[in-house]
N, C-alpha and C. Protein backbone atom coordinates (compact mmCIF):
# COMPACT_ATOMS: atom_id res chain seq x y z
N MET A 1 16.20 26.18 4.46
CA MET A 1 15.26 25.17 4.89
C MET A 1 13.96 25.42 4.13
N ASP A 2 13.61 24.49 3.26
CA ASP A 2 12.41 24.62 2.45
C ASP A 2 11.42 23.52 2.81
N PRO A 3 10.15 23.88 3.03
CA PRO A 3 9.15 22.84 3.28
C PRO A 3 8.82 22.11 1.99
N GLN A 4 8.63 20.80 2.08
CA GLN A 4 8.20 20.00 0.95
C GLN A 4 6.98 19.20 1.35
N ALA A 5 6.06 19.10 0.42
CA ALA A 5 4.83 18.37 0.70
C ALA A 5 5.04 16.87 0.48
N PHE A 6 4.80 16.11 1.51
CA PHE A 6 4.77 14.66 1.41
C PHE A 6 3.38 14.23 1.83
N ILE A 7 2.97 13.07 1.35
CA ILE A 7 1.67 12.53 1.74
C ILE A 7 1.91 11.12 2.26
N ARG A 8 1.29 10.82 3.39
CA ARG A 8 1.38 9.48 3.96
C ARG A 8 0.09 8.74 3.62
N LEU A 9 0.23 7.63 2.92
CA LEU A 9 -0.90 6.76 2.61
C LEU A 9 -0.85 5.61 3.60
N SER A 10 -1.84 5.53 4.48
CA SER A 10 -1.87 4.52 5.54
C SER A 10 -2.95 3.49 5.24
N ILE A 11 -2.58 2.23 5.38
CA ILE A 11 -3.53 1.14 5.25
C ILE A 11 -3.55 0.44 6.59
N GLY A 12 -4.71 0.38 7.20
CA GLY A 12 -4.80 -0.21 8.53
C GLY A 12 -6.17 -0.76 8.82
N SER A 13 -6.38 -1.08 10.07
CA SER A 13 -7.65 -1.64 10.54
C SER A 13 -8.02 -2.87 9.72
N LEU A 14 -7.02 -3.71 9.44
CA LEU A 14 -7.24 -4.89 8.61
C LEU A 14 -7.93 -6.00 9.39
N GLY A 15 -8.84 -6.67 8.74
CA GLY A 15 -9.52 -7.82 9.30
C GLY A 15 -10.13 -8.62 8.17
N LEU A 16 -10.22 -9.93 8.34
CA LEU A 16 -10.79 -10.80 7.33
C LEU A 16 -11.87 -11.65 7.97
N ARG A 17 -13.02 -11.66 7.31
CA ARG A 17 -14.15 -12.46 7.80
C ARG A 17 -14.50 -13.46 6.70
N ILE A 18 -14.40 -14.74 7.02
CA ILE A 18 -14.70 -15.80 6.06
C ILE A 18 -15.83 -16.63 6.65
N PRO A 19 -17.00 -16.64 5.98
CA PRO A 19 -18.12 -17.42 6.50
C PRO A 19 -17.86 -18.92 6.36
N GLY A 20 -18.56 -19.71 7.14
CA GLY A 20 -18.41 -21.17 7.14
C GLY A 20 -18.53 -21.81 5.77
N PRO A 21 -19.57 -21.49 4.96
CA PRO A 21 -19.68 -22.11 3.64
C PRO A 21 -18.50 -21.81 2.73
N ALA A 22 -17.93 -20.64 2.83
CA ALA A 22 -16.78 -20.29 2.00
C ALA A 22 -15.57 -21.13 2.39
N LEU A 23 -15.47 -21.45 3.68
CA LEU A 23 -14.36 -22.28 4.13
C LEU A 23 -14.49 -23.70 3.60
N LYS A 24 -15.73 -24.23 3.56
CA LYS A 24 -15.94 -25.59 3.08
C LYS A 24 -15.64 -25.72 1.60
N SER A 25 -15.84 -24.62 0.86
CA SER A 25 -15.57 -24.67 -0.58
C SER A 25 -14.10 -24.45 -0.91
N SER A 26 -13.29 -24.15 0.10
CA SER A 26 -11.87 -23.90 -0.18
C SER A 26 -11.17 -25.21 -0.53
N LYS A 27 -10.12 -25.11 -1.32
CA LYS A 27 -9.39 -26.28 -1.80
C LYS A 27 -8.63 -26.95 -0.66
N ALA A 28 -8.50 -28.25 -0.78
CA ALA A 28 -7.66 -29.06 0.11
C ALA A 28 -8.07 -28.96 1.57
N GLY A 29 -9.30 -28.56 1.85
CA GLY A 29 -9.79 -28.51 3.21
C GLY A 29 -9.07 -27.53 4.10
N ILE A 30 -8.56 -26.46 3.53
CA ILE A 30 -7.86 -25.46 4.34
C ILE A 30 -8.88 -24.75 5.20
N HIS A 31 -8.62 -24.67 6.47
CA HIS A 31 -9.51 -23.96 7.39
C HIS A 31 -8.86 -22.66 7.81
N ALA A 32 -9.68 -21.68 8.06
CA ALA A 32 -9.17 -20.34 8.36
C ALA A 32 -8.29 -20.31 9.59
N PHE A 33 -8.61 -21.12 10.58
CA PHE A 33 -7.87 -21.02 11.82
C PHE A 33 -6.58 -21.83 11.79
N SER A 34 -6.43 -22.74 10.81
CA SER A 34 -5.19 -23.51 10.73
C SER A 34 -4.19 -22.90 9.75
N ALA A 35 -4.64 -21.99 8.90
CA ALA A 35 -3.75 -21.38 7.92
C ALA A 35 -3.75 -19.87 8.12
N PRO A 36 -2.57 -19.28 8.22
CA PRO A 36 -2.52 -17.83 8.40
C PRO A 36 -2.96 -17.10 7.14
N CYS A 37 -3.50 -15.92 7.32
CA CYS A 37 -3.91 -15.08 6.20
C CYS A 37 -2.98 -13.88 6.13
N SER A 38 -2.67 -13.48 4.92
CA SER A 38 -1.80 -12.33 4.72
C SER A 38 -2.26 -11.60 3.47
N CYS A 39 -1.68 -10.43 3.27
CA CYS A 39 -2.01 -9.68 2.06
C CYS A 39 -0.75 -9.03 1.51
N GLU A 40 -0.77 -8.86 0.19
CA GLU A 40 0.28 -8.13 -0.49
C GLU A 40 -0.31 -6.80 -0.92
N ILE A 41 0.34 -5.72 -0.56
CA ILE A 41 -0.15 -4.38 -0.86
C ILE A 41 0.77 -3.78 -1.91
N ARG A 42 0.17 -3.43 -3.04
CA ARG A 42 0.95 -2.92 -4.18
C ARG A 42 0.50 -1.51 -4.54
N LEU A 43 1.48 -0.69 -4.87
CA LEU A 43 1.25 0.65 -5.41
C LEU A 43 2.36 0.86 -6.43
N ARG A 44 1.97 1.17 -7.66
CA ARG A 44 2.93 1.27 -8.77
C ARG A 44 4.10 2.19 -8.41
N GLY A 45 5.31 1.67 -8.63
CA GLY A 45 6.52 2.44 -8.35
C GLY A 45 7.08 2.23 -6.95
N PHE A 46 6.41 1.43 -6.12
CA PHE A 46 6.85 1.18 -4.75
C PHE A 46 7.02 -0.32 -4.55
N PRO A 47 7.88 -0.73 -3.61
CA PRO A 47 8.03 -2.17 -3.33
C PRO A 47 6.74 -2.75 -2.76
N VAL A 48 6.50 -4.02 -3.08
CA VAL A 48 5.33 -4.73 -2.55
C VAL A 48 5.54 -4.91 -1.05
N GLN A 49 4.49 -4.65 -0.28
CA GLN A 49 4.55 -4.83 1.17
C GLN A 49 3.61 -5.96 1.56
N THR A 50 4.08 -6.86 2.40
CA THR A 50 3.29 -8.00 2.85
C THR A 50 3.03 -7.86 4.34
N THR A 51 1.79 -8.11 4.74
CA THR A 51 1.43 -7.99 6.14
C THR A 51 0.38 -9.05 6.50
N PRO A 52 0.40 -9.56 7.73
CA PRO A 52 -0.63 -10.53 8.14
C PRO A 52 -1.98 -9.84 8.35
N ILE A 53 -3.04 -10.62 8.18
CA ILE A 53 -4.40 -10.12 8.41
C ILE A 53 -5.04 -10.99 9.49
N PRO A 54 -5.51 -10.39 10.57
CA PRO A 54 -6.20 -11.19 11.59
C PRO A 54 -7.59 -11.59 11.12
N LEU A 55 -8.02 -12.76 11.56
CA LEU A 55 -9.36 -13.23 11.24
C LEU A 55 -10.34 -12.68 12.26
N VAL A 56 -11.51 -12.29 11.78
CA VAL A 56 -12.57 -11.77 12.63
C VAL A 56 -13.72 -12.76 12.54
N SER A 57 -14.12 -13.32 13.67
CA SER A 57 -15.13 -14.37 13.65
C SER A 57 -16.56 -13.87 13.74
N SER A 58 -16.77 -12.73 14.35
CA SER A 58 -18.12 -12.22 14.56
C SER A 58 -18.42 -11.04 13.65
N SER A 59 -19.66 -10.94 13.21
CA SER A 59 -20.04 -9.82 12.34
C SER A 59 -20.16 -8.51 13.11
N GLU A 60 -20.26 -8.58 14.44
CA GLU A 60 -20.38 -7.37 15.25
C GLU A 60 -19.03 -6.75 15.58
N VAL A 61 -17.95 -7.51 15.43
CA VAL A 61 -16.62 -7.04 15.79
C VAL A 61 -15.97 -6.35 14.59
N THR A 62 -15.37 -5.19 14.85
CA THR A 62 -14.58 -4.52 13.80
C THR A 62 -13.16 -4.34 14.32
N PRO A 63 -12.19 -4.43 13.45
CA PRO A 63 -10.79 -4.26 13.86
C PRO A 63 -10.52 -2.85 14.40
N ASP A 64 -9.46 -2.73 15.15
CA ASP A 64 -9.06 -1.46 15.75
C ASP A 64 -8.77 -0.43 14.67
N ILE A 65 -9.47 0.71 14.72
CA ILE A 65 -9.30 1.73 13.67
C ILE A 65 -7.97 2.47 13.79
N HIS A 66 -7.29 2.32 14.91
CA HIS A 66 -6.02 3.03 15.11
C HIS A 66 -4.81 2.19 14.70
N SER A 67 -5.03 0.92 14.37
CA SER A 67 -3.89 0.09 13.97
C SER A 67 -3.55 0.36 12.50
N ILE A 68 -2.27 0.53 12.22
CA ILE A 68 -1.80 0.78 10.86
C ILE A 68 -0.91 -0.39 10.46
N ALA A 69 -1.29 -1.08 9.40
CA ALA A 69 -0.52 -2.24 8.94
C ALA A 69 0.69 -1.82 8.12
N THR A 70 0.52 -0.82 7.28
CA THR A 70 1.62 -0.35 6.44
C THR A 70 1.34 1.06 5.95
N SER A 71 2.40 1.73 5.53
CA SER A 71 2.29 3.10 5.03
C SER A 71 3.20 3.29 3.83
N PHE A 72 2.78 4.17 2.95
CA PHE A 72 3.59 4.62 1.84
C PHE A 72 3.77 6.12 2.00
N TYR A 73 4.97 6.61 1.76
CA TYR A 73 5.24 8.05 1.83
C TYR A 73 5.46 8.55 0.41
N LEU A 74 4.59 9.44 -0.03
CA LEU A 74 4.59 9.90 -1.41
C LEU A 74 5.07 11.34 -1.50
N GLU A 75 6.00 11.58 -2.41
CA GLU A 75 6.43 12.94 -2.72
C GLU A 75 5.55 13.45 -3.86
N GLU A 76 5.70 14.73 -4.16
CA GLU A 76 4.93 15.32 -5.25
C GLU A 76 5.24 14.61 -6.58
N SER A 77 6.49 14.26 -6.80
CA SER A 77 6.87 13.56 -8.04
C SER A 77 6.24 12.17 -8.12
N ASP A 78 6.09 11.49 -6.97
CA ASP A 78 5.43 10.18 -6.95
C ASP A 78 3.97 10.31 -7.35
N LEU A 79 3.30 11.33 -6.82
CA LEU A 79 1.89 11.55 -7.17
C LEU A 79 1.72 11.84 -8.65
N LYS A 80 2.61 12.67 -9.19
CA LYS A 80 2.54 12.97 -10.63
C LYS A 80 2.72 11.70 -11.46
N ALA A 81 3.66 10.86 -11.06
CA ALA A 81 3.90 9.61 -11.79
C ALA A 81 2.69 8.68 -11.70
N LEU A 82 2.03 8.63 -10.55
CA LEU A 82 0.86 7.78 -10.40
C LEU A 82 -0.33 8.28 -11.21
N LEU A 83 -0.46 9.59 -11.32
CA LEU A 83 -1.60 10.17 -12.03
C LEU A 83 -1.38 10.27 -13.54
N THR A 84 -0.14 10.08 -14.00
CA THR A 84 0.16 10.15 -15.43
C THR A 84 -0.06 8.78 -16.06
N PRO A 85 -0.90 8.71 -17.12
CA PRO A 85 -1.09 7.41 -17.78
C PRO A 85 0.18 6.98 -18.49
N GLY A 86 0.43 5.69 -18.47
CA GLY A 86 1.62 5.16 -19.13
C GLY A 86 1.25 4.28 -20.31
N CYS A 87 2.20 4.00 -21.15
CA CYS A 87 1.91 3.18 -22.32
C CYS A 87 2.12 1.69 -22.06
N PHE A 88 2.88 1.31 -21.04
CA PHE A 88 3.15 -0.09 -20.79
C PHE A 88 2.35 -0.68 -19.63
N TYR A 89 1.50 0.10 -19.00
CA TYR A 89 0.71 -0.39 -17.88
C TYR A 89 -0.65 0.29 -17.91
N ASN A 90 -1.50 -0.08 -16.98
CA ASN A 90 -2.86 0.46 -16.93
C ASN A 90 -2.86 1.98 -16.98
N HIS A 91 -3.88 2.52 -17.59
CA HIS A 91 -4.00 3.97 -17.66
C HIS A 91 -4.20 4.57 -16.27
N HIS A 92 -4.86 3.83 -15.40
CA HIS A 92 -5.09 4.32 -14.04
C HIS A 92 -4.23 3.51 -13.08
N ALA A 93 -3.60 4.19 -12.16
CA ALA A 93 -2.84 3.50 -11.11
C ALA A 93 -3.82 3.11 -10.00
N TYR A 94 -3.54 2.01 -9.34
CA TYR A 94 -4.38 1.50 -8.28
C TYR A 94 -3.55 1.17 -7.06
N LEU A 95 -4.18 1.31 -5.90
CA LEU A 95 -3.70 0.67 -4.69
C LEU A 95 -4.35 -0.70 -4.73
N GLU A 96 -3.56 -1.74 -4.74
CA GLU A 96 -4.10 -3.09 -4.88
C GLU A 96 -3.71 -3.93 -3.67
N ILE A 97 -4.71 -4.54 -3.06
CA ILE A 97 -4.49 -5.39 -1.89
C ILE A 97 -5.00 -6.78 -2.23
N THR A 98 -4.09 -7.74 -2.31
CA THR A 98 -4.43 -9.12 -2.64
C THR A 98 -4.31 -9.95 -1.38
N VAL A 99 -5.40 -10.66 -1.04
CA VAL A 99 -5.47 -11.43 0.21
C VAL A 99 -5.23 -12.91 -0.09
N PHE A 100 -4.38 -13.53 0.74
CA PHE A 100 -4.03 -14.94 0.58
C PHE A 100 -4.29 -15.70 1.87
N MET A 101 -4.55 -17.00 1.72
CA MET A 101 -4.64 -17.91 2.86
C MET A 101 -3.55 -18.95 2.68
N GLY A 102 -2.83 -19.23 3.72
CA GLY A 102 -1.73 -20.18 3.65
C GLY A 102 -0.40 -19.47 3.73
N ARG A 103 0.64 -20.25 3.86
CA ARG A 103 1.98 -19.68 4.00
C ARG A 103 2.70 -19.68 2.66
N LYS A 104 3.58 -18.70 2.53
CA LYS A 104 4.42 -18.63 1.34
C LYS A 104 5.78 -19.18 1.71
N GLY A 105 6.32 -20.03 0.88
CA GLY A 105 7.65 -20.56 1.15
C GLY A 105 7.78 -22.00 0.72
N THR A 106 8.79 -22.65 1.24
CA THR A 106 9.03 -24.04 0.88
C THR A 106 9.20 -24.86 2.15
N HIS A 107 8.95 -26.14 2.01
CA HIS A 107 9.10 -27.08 3.10
C HIS A 107 9.81 -28.31 2.53
N PHE A 108 11.03 -28.54 2.93
CA PHE A 108 11.84 -29.65 2.42
C PHE A 108 11.94 -29.62 0.90
N GLY A 109 12.12 -28.44 0.33
CA GLY A 109 12.29 -28.30 -1.11
C GLY A 109 11.01 -28.33 -1.92
N VAL A 110 9.88 -28.51 -1.25
CA VAL A 110 8.60 -28.55 -1.95
C VAL A 110 7.90 -27.22 -1.70
N GLY A 111 7.46 -26.58 -2.76
CA GLY A 111 6.79 -25.28 -2.63
C GLY A 111 5.45 -25.42 -1.93
N VAL A 112 5.17 -24.51 -1.04
CA VAL A 112 3.90 -24.47 -0.34
C VAL A 112 3.03 -23.43 -1.04
N LYS A 113 1.84 -23.85 -1.41
CA LYS A 113 0.97 -22.94 -2.15
C LYS A 113 0.12 -22.10 -1.21
N ARG A 114 -0.10 -20.88 -1.67
CA ARG A 114 -1.04 -20.02 -0.98
C ARG A 114 -2.28 -19.92 -1.86
N GLN A 115 -3.42 -19.87 -1.23
CA GLN A 115 -4.67 -19.73 -1.97
C GLN A 115 -5.06 -18.26 -1.97
N GLN A 116 -5.28 -17.71 -3.15
CA GLN A 116 -5.72 -16.32 -3.24
C GLN A 116 -7.20 -16.26 -2.93
N ILE A 117 -7.54 -15.43 -1.95
CA ILE A 117 -8.94 -15.28 -1.54
C ILE A 117 -9.62 -14.21 -2.38
N GLY A 118 -8.94 -13.11 -2.60
CA GLY A 118 -9.54 -12.03 -3.38
C GLY A 118 -8.65 -10.81 -3.44
N THR A 119 -9.14 -9.80 -4.17
CA THR A 119 -8.37 -8.58 -4.39
C THR A 119 -9.26 -7.36 -4.20
N PHE A 120 -8.70 -6.34 -3.58
CA PHE A 120 -9.36 -5.05 -3.41
C PHE A 120 -8.53 -4.03 -4.18
N LYS A 121 -9.20 -3.23 -5.02
CA LYS A 121 -8.50 -2.19 -5.78
C LYS A 121 -9.14 -0.84 -5.50
N LEU A 122 -8.27 0.15 -5.34
CA LEU A 122 -8.71 1.52 -5.13
C LEU A 122 -7.94 2.40 -6.10
N ALA A 123 -8.67 3.08 -6.98
CA ALA A 123 -8.03 3.90 -8.02
C ALA A 123 -7.38 5.14 -7.40
N VAL A 124 -6.21 5.49 -7.94
CA VAL A 124 -5.53 6.72 -7.54
C VAL A 124 -6.24 7.86 -8.25
N GLY A 125 -6.66 8.87 -7.49
CA GLY A 125 -7.39 9.99 -8.07
C GLY A 125 -6.76 11.32 -7.74
N PRO A 126 -7.29 12.39 -8.33
CA PRO A 126 -6.72 13.72 -8.10
C PRO A 126 -6.81 14.18 -6.65
N GLU A 127 -7.74 13.62 -5.86
CA GLU A 127 -7.86 14.01 -4.45
C GLU A 127 -6.63 13.60 -3.65
N TRP A 128 -5.81 12.71 -4.18
CA TRP A 128 -4.60 12.28 -3.49
C TRP A 128 -3.60 13.42 -3.39
N GLY A 129 -3.64 14.37 -4.30
CA GLY A 129 -2.66 15.44 -4.31
C GLY A 129 -3.13 16.74 -3.71
N GLU A 130 -4.30 16.76 -3.08
CA GLU A 130 -4.85 18.00 -2.52
C GLU A 130 -4.19 18.43 -1.22
N GLY A 131 -3.49 17.53 -0.56
CA GLY A 131 -2.79 17.88 0.67
C GLY A 131 -3.69 17.98 1.89
N LYS A 132 -4.87 17.39 1.82
CA LYS A 132 -5.82 17.41 2.94
C LYS A 132 -5.97 15.99 3.48
N PRO A 133 -6.27 15.86 4.77
CA PRO A 133 -6.55 14.53 5.30
C PRO A 133 -7.84 13.98 4.68
N VAL A 134 -7.77 12.78 4.15
CA VAL A 134 -8.93 12.16 3.49
C VAL A 134 -8.96 10.68 3.86
N ILE A 135 -10.14 10.19 4.20
CA ILE A 135 -10.34 8.76 4.36
C ILE A 135 -10.89 8.26 3.04
N LEU A 136 -10.09 7.47 2.32
CA LEU A 136 -10.48 7.00 0.99
C LEU A 136 -11.41 5.81 1.07
N PHE A 137 -11.25 4.97 2.08
CA PHE A 137 -12.13 3.82 2.27
C PHE A 137 -12.08 3.42 3.73
N ASN A 138 -13.24 3.05 4.28
CA ASN A 138 -13.31 2.57 5.66
C ASN A 138 -14.51 1.65 5.77
N GLY A 139 -14.27 0.37 6.04
CA GLY A 139 -15.38 -0.55 6.23
C GLY A 139 -15.11 -1.92 5.65
N TRP A 140 -16.18 -2.71 5.57
CA TRP A 140 -16.13 -4.06 5.04
C TRP A 140 -16.44 -4.04 3.55
N ILE A 141 -15.78 -4.92 2.80
CA ILE A 141 -16.07 -5.07 1.38
C ILE A 141 -15.88 -6.54 1.00
N GLY A 142 -16.80 -7.04 0.18
CA GLY A 142 -16.69 -8.40 -0.32
C GLY A 142 -15.56 -8.51 -1.32
N ILE A 143 -14.78 -9.57 -1.21
CA ILE A 143 -13.66 -9.78 -2.14
C ILE A 143 -13.73 -11.19 -2.70
N GLY A 144 -13.09 -11.42 -3.79
CA GLY A 144 -12.93 -12.76 -4.33
C GLY A 144 -14.05 -13.22 -5.22
N LYS A 145 -13.94 -14.49 -5.58
CA LYS A 145 -14.88 -15.10 -6.51
C LYS A 145 -16.23 -15.39 -5.85
N ASN A 146 -16.25 -15.58 -4.56
CA ASN A 146 -17.48 -15.97 -3.87
C ASN A 146 -18.26 -14.78 -3.34
N LYS A 147 -18.17 -13.62 -4.00
CA LYS A 147 -18.92 -12.45 -3.54
C LYS A 147 -20.41 -12.74 -3.67
N HIS A 148 -21.06 -12.90 -2.57
CA HIS A 148 -22.51 -13.12 -2.51
C HIS A 148 -22.96 -14.22 -3.46
N GLU A 149 -22.23 -15.32 -3.46
CA GLU A 149 -22.61 -16.46 -4.28
C GLU A 149 -23.82 -17.14 -3.67
N ASN A 150 -24.81 -17.44 -4.47
CA ASN A 150 -26.06 -18.07 -4.02
C ASN A 150 -26.74 -17.26 -2.93
N GLY A 151 -26.60 -15.96 -2.95
CA GLY A 151 -27.24 -15.10 -1.96
C GLY A 151 -26.54 -15.06 -0.62
N LYS A 152 -25.46 -15.82 -0.48
CA LYS A 152 -24.72 -15.84 0.77
C LYS A 152 -23.42 -15.07 0.58
N PRO A 153 -23.02 -14.26 1.57
CA PRO A 153 -21.78 -13.48 1.42
C PRO A 153 -20.55 -14.37 1.42
N GLY A 154 -19.55 -13.96 0.64
CA GLY A 154 -18.27 -14.66 0.62
C GLY A 154 -17.31 -14.01 1.60
N ALA A 155 -16.04 -14.10 1.31
CA ALA A 155 -15.03 -13.50 2.17
C ALA A 155 -15.16 -11.98 2.14
N GLU A 156 -14.96 -11.37 3.30
CA GLU A 156 -15.04 -9.91 3.42
C GLU A 156 -13.76 -9.39 4.06
N LEU A 157 -13.29 -8.28 3.52
CA LEU A 157 -12.08 -7.62 4.03
C LEU A 157 -12.47 -6.30 4.67
N HIS A 158 -11.96 -6.06 5.86
CA HIS A 158 -12.15 -4.76 6.51
C HIS A 158 -10.84 -4.01 6.43
N LEU A 159 -10.91 -2.76 6.00
CA LEU A 159 -9.71 -1.95 5.95
C LEU A 159 -10.07 -0.48 6.01
N ARG A 160 -9.05 0.29 6.34
CA ARG A 160 -9.16 1.75 6.37
C ARG A 160 -7.97 2.29 5.59
N VAL A 161 -8.28 3.04 4.53
CA VAL A 161 -7.25 3.64 3.69
C VAL A 161 -7.35 5.14 3.88
N GLN A 162 -6.26 5.74 4.31
CA GLN A 162 -6.29 7.15 4.69
C GLN A 162 -5.08 7.89 4.14
N LEU A 163 -5.32 9.12 3.69
CA LEU A 163 -4.25 10.02 3.25
C LEU A 163 -4.09 11.13 4.27
N ASP A 164 -2.86 11.41 4.65
CA ASP A 164 -2.56 12.50 5.58
C ASP A 164 -1.40 13.30 5.04
N PRO A 165 -1.49 14.64 5.12
CA PRO A 165 -0.32 15.44 4.75
C PRO A 165 0.80 15.17 5.76
N ASP A 166 2.00 15.11 5.26
CA ASP A 166 3.16 14.84 6.10
C ASP A 166 4.26 15.82 5.72
N PRO A 167 4.13 17.09 6.16
CA PRO A 167 5.12 18.09 5.74
C PRO A 167 6.49 17.79 6.32
N ARG A 168 7.49 17.99 5.51
CA ARG A 168 8.87 17.78 5.93
C ARG A 168 9.69 18.97 5.48
N TYR A 169 10.81 19.13 6.11
CA TYR A 169 11.71 20.21 5.73
C TYR A 169 12.98 19.62 5.15
N VAL A 170 13.43 20.22 4.07
CA VAL A 170 14.64 19.78 3.40
C VAL A 170 15.73 20.80 3.69
N PHE A 171 16.85 20.32 4.20
CA PHE A 171 17.98 21.19 4.51
C PHE A 171 19.01 21.10 3.39
N GLN A 172 19.53 22.23 2.98
CA GLN A 172 20.53 22.24 1.92
C GLN A 172 21.76 23.00 2.42
N PHE A 173 22.92 22.30 2.41
CA PHE A 173 24.18 22.87 2.84
C PHE A 173 25.18 22.76 1.69
N GLU A 174 25.65 23.89 1.20
CA GLU A 174 26.65 23.92 0.14
C GLU A 174 26.29 22.99 -1.01
N ALA A 175 25.08 23.13 -1.53
CA ALA A 175 24.57 22.37 -2.67
C ALA A 175 24.40 20.88 -2.38
N VAL A 176 24.40 20.47 -1.12
CA VAL A 176 24.14 19.09 -0.75
C VAL A 176 22.82 19.05 0.00
N THR A 177 21.88 18.26 -0.48
CA THR A 177 20.57 18.15 0.16
C THR A 177 20.60 17.06 1.21
N MET A 178 20.06 17.37 2.38
CA MET A 178 20.00 16.41 3.48
C MET A 178 18.56 16.02 3.72
């Protein structure tokens, strides 16, 4: 029985705040309360994860810090792959969260479009492999094209990105790993 270091990357405490002027400038009169919001969470080498984002109407309200929308479990080899620059993709790996308004899918054979609100990127750094609990980001951040346009804030995303060590034990019986 050998211990192996795993790291759990948790993305949670999601919330989206869209001010009134940003809603009026949206295409086709889409309103925040009539169209669901979701996000696609990408990390190089892992499947894309999609999760809904609740809308937050008041600036005083923050989403529950204990809610976790999605997690990635990283082995040591995954971390090495993320930190190694590649020739066919960006030199730096990112955790990328793209926020959409509207539903994805089709209705009677006609594609339903989603409007991209914005993207949040967090670079993968050497602190990811230290094996210590770290909060990489916690709070509100402006996203999208309307970031503080005309002095007024655009759409804002609230999230908490956290790394936690997740030690596991690997059992080996007669050269078979379990």
